[in-house]
Amino acid sequence: MVEKRSIAKAIILSIITFGIYEIYWFIKMTDEVAEITGDHNNASGGVAFLLTLITGGIYGIFWAYKMGEKLDRYEGVDSSRAVLYLILTIIGLGIVDFCLIQDSINKLVDKR
């Protein structure tokens, strides 16, 4: 089930739990975007997290790009959200990706 999350609360919980909540958030966002878009061609949230660990973060870069691509395709826009997410992840601002992805999820939940 897709749910709206407070972005500020998620960031605070990620800080307080020393990143443990961020792992949960990553997994949930991955699964929720797949559920919303109906695109289950990529790894599930748990597998995506495991692959990110195994590859030393390289899969996380690919993940960010694919999340932007899925959301753009689902919304039917030709924006470059995928490239933005890719750049933010590469320069170490992955948490900004999380916030932007969660914002998109929240807006899509409101539309349902």
Protein backbone atom coordinates (compact mmCIF):
# COMPACT_ATOMS: atom_id res chain seq x y z
CA MET A 1 0.00 0.00 0.00
CA VAL A 2 1.31 3.40 -0.98
CA GLU A 3 1.25 6.00 1.76
CA LYS A 4 2.06 9.66 2.08
CA ARG A 5 5.06 10.46 4.26
CA SER A 6 6.19 13.68 5.82
CA ILE A 7 9.52 14.47 4.23
CA ALA A 8 10.74 16.44 7.25
CA LYS A 9 9.79 13.59 9.59
CA ALA A 10 11.60 11.06 7.36
CA ILE A 11 14.77 13.18 7.36
CA ILE A 12 14.65 13.63 11.13
CA LEU A 13 14.07 9.91 11.69
CA SER A 14 16.96 9.12 9.34
CA ILE A 15 19.26 11.36 11.40
CA ILE A 16 18.05 10.13 14.79
CA THR A 17 18.38 6.47 13.82
CA PHE A 18 21.81 7.01 12.21
CA GLY A 19 20.53 6.03 8.77
CA ILE A 20 18.47 2.98 9.66
CA TYR A 21 15.20 4.72 8.81
CA GLU A 22 16.78 5.87 5.55
CA ILE A 23 17.25 2.22 4.58
CA TYR A 24 13.59 1.52 5.31
CA TRP A 25 12.61 4.66 3.38
CA PHE A 26 14.71 3.58 0.38
CA ILE A 27 13.08 0.15 0.32
CA LYS A 28 9.54 1.53 0.71
CA MET A 29 10.00 4.21 -1.98
CA THR A 30 11.32 1.65 -4.43
CA ASP A 31 8.36 -0.64 -3.88
CA GLU A 32 5.83 2.20 -3.88
CA VAL A 33 7.06 3.70 -7.15
CA ALA A 34 6.88 0.24 -8.72
CA GLU A 35 3.32 -0.16 -7.40
CA ILE A 36 2.20 3.29 -8.58
CA THR A 37 3.74 3.03 -12.03
CA GLY A 38 3.02 -0.66 -12.52
CA ASP A 39 6.63 -1.06 -13.66
CA HIS A 40 8.02 -4.07 -11.77
CA ASN A 41 10.89 -4.68 -14.21
CA ASN A 42 13.60 -3.54 -11.81
CA ALA A 43 14.61 -4.99 -8.47
CA SER A 44 12.31 -4.82 -5.47
CA GLY A 45 13.23 -2.47 -2.63
CA GLY A 46 15.05 -5.10 -0.59
CA VAL A 47 16.99 -6.41 -3.56
CA ALA A 48 17.84 -2.87 -4.68
CA PHE A 49 19.22 -2.10 -1.23
CA LEU A 50 21.24 -5.32 -1.18
CA LEU A 51 22.64 -4.60 -4.65
CA THR A 52 23.57 -1.07 -3.55
CA LEU A 53 25.50 -2.55 -0.61
CA ILE A 54 27.20 -5.23 -2.70
CA THR A 55 28.27 -2.81 -5.44
CA GLY A 56 29.54 -0.16 -3.05
CA GLY A 57 26.84 2.31 -4.04
CA ILE A 58 27.07 1.93 -7.81
CA TYR A 59 23.64 0.31 -8.03
CA GLY A 60 22.31 3.25 -5.98
CA ILE A 61 23.34 5.59 -8.78
CA PHE A 62 21.53 3.42 -11.31
CA TRP A 63 18.54 3.24 -8.94
CA ALA A 64 18.26 7.02 -8.73
CA TYR A 65 18.26 7.32 -12.52
CA LYS A 66 15.63 4.59 -12.94
CA MET A 67 13.37 6.13 -10.30
CA GLY A 68 13.36 9.43 -12.16
CA GLU A 69 12.79 7.65 -15.45
CA LYS A 70 9.84 5.66 -14.08
CA LEU A 71 8.19 8.73 -12.58
CA ASP A 72 8.66 10.77 -15.76
CA ARG A 73 7.23 7.99 -17.92
CA TYR A 74 4.26 7.45 -15.59
CA GLU A 75 3.40 11.15 -15.50
CA GLY A 76 3.86 11.39 -19.26
CA VAL A 77 6.37 14.23 -19.14
CA ASP A 78 9.63 14.69 -20.96
CA SER A 79 11.45 16.24 -18.04
CA SER A 80 14.97 15.30 -17.14
CA ARG A 81 14.15 14.17 -13.61
CA ALA A 82 16.25 11.03 -14.14
CA VAL A 83 19.33 13.08 -15.00
CA LEU A 84 18.74 15.39 -12.03
CA TYR A 85 18.52 12.41 -9.66
CA LEU A 86 21.64 10.91 -11.22
CA ILE A 87 23.66 14.10 -10.76
CA LEU A 88 22.46 14.63 -7.19
CA THR A 89 23.42 11.07 -6.27
CA ILE A 90 26.85 11.34 -7.88
CA ILE A 91 27.69 14.55 -6.01
CA GLY A 92 26.60 13.03 -2.70
CA LEU A 93 23.17 14.58 -2.29
CA GLY A 94 21.18 11.35 -2.38
CA ILE A 95 18.99 12.55 0.47
CA VAL A 96 17.71 15.28 -1.85
CA ASP A 97 16.73 12.52 -4.30
CA PHE A 98 14.81 10.82 -1.52
CA CYS A 99 12.96 14.05 -0.75
CA LEU A 100 12.11 14.69 -4.41
CA ILE A 101 10.97 11.11 -4.98
CA GLN A 102 8.85 11.16 -1.82
CA ASP A 103 7.33 14.47 -2.91
CA SER A 104 6.37 12.88 -6.24
CA ILE A 105 4.87 9.87 -4.44
CA ASN A 106 2.88 12.16 -2.13
CA LYS A 107 1.50 14.09 -5.10
CA LEU A 108 0.53 10.89 -6.92
CA VAL A 109 -1.22 9.57 -3.82
CA ASP A 110 -3.21 12.81 -3.65
CA LYS A 111 -4.30 12.32 -7.27
CA ARG A 112 -5.65 8.81 -6.58
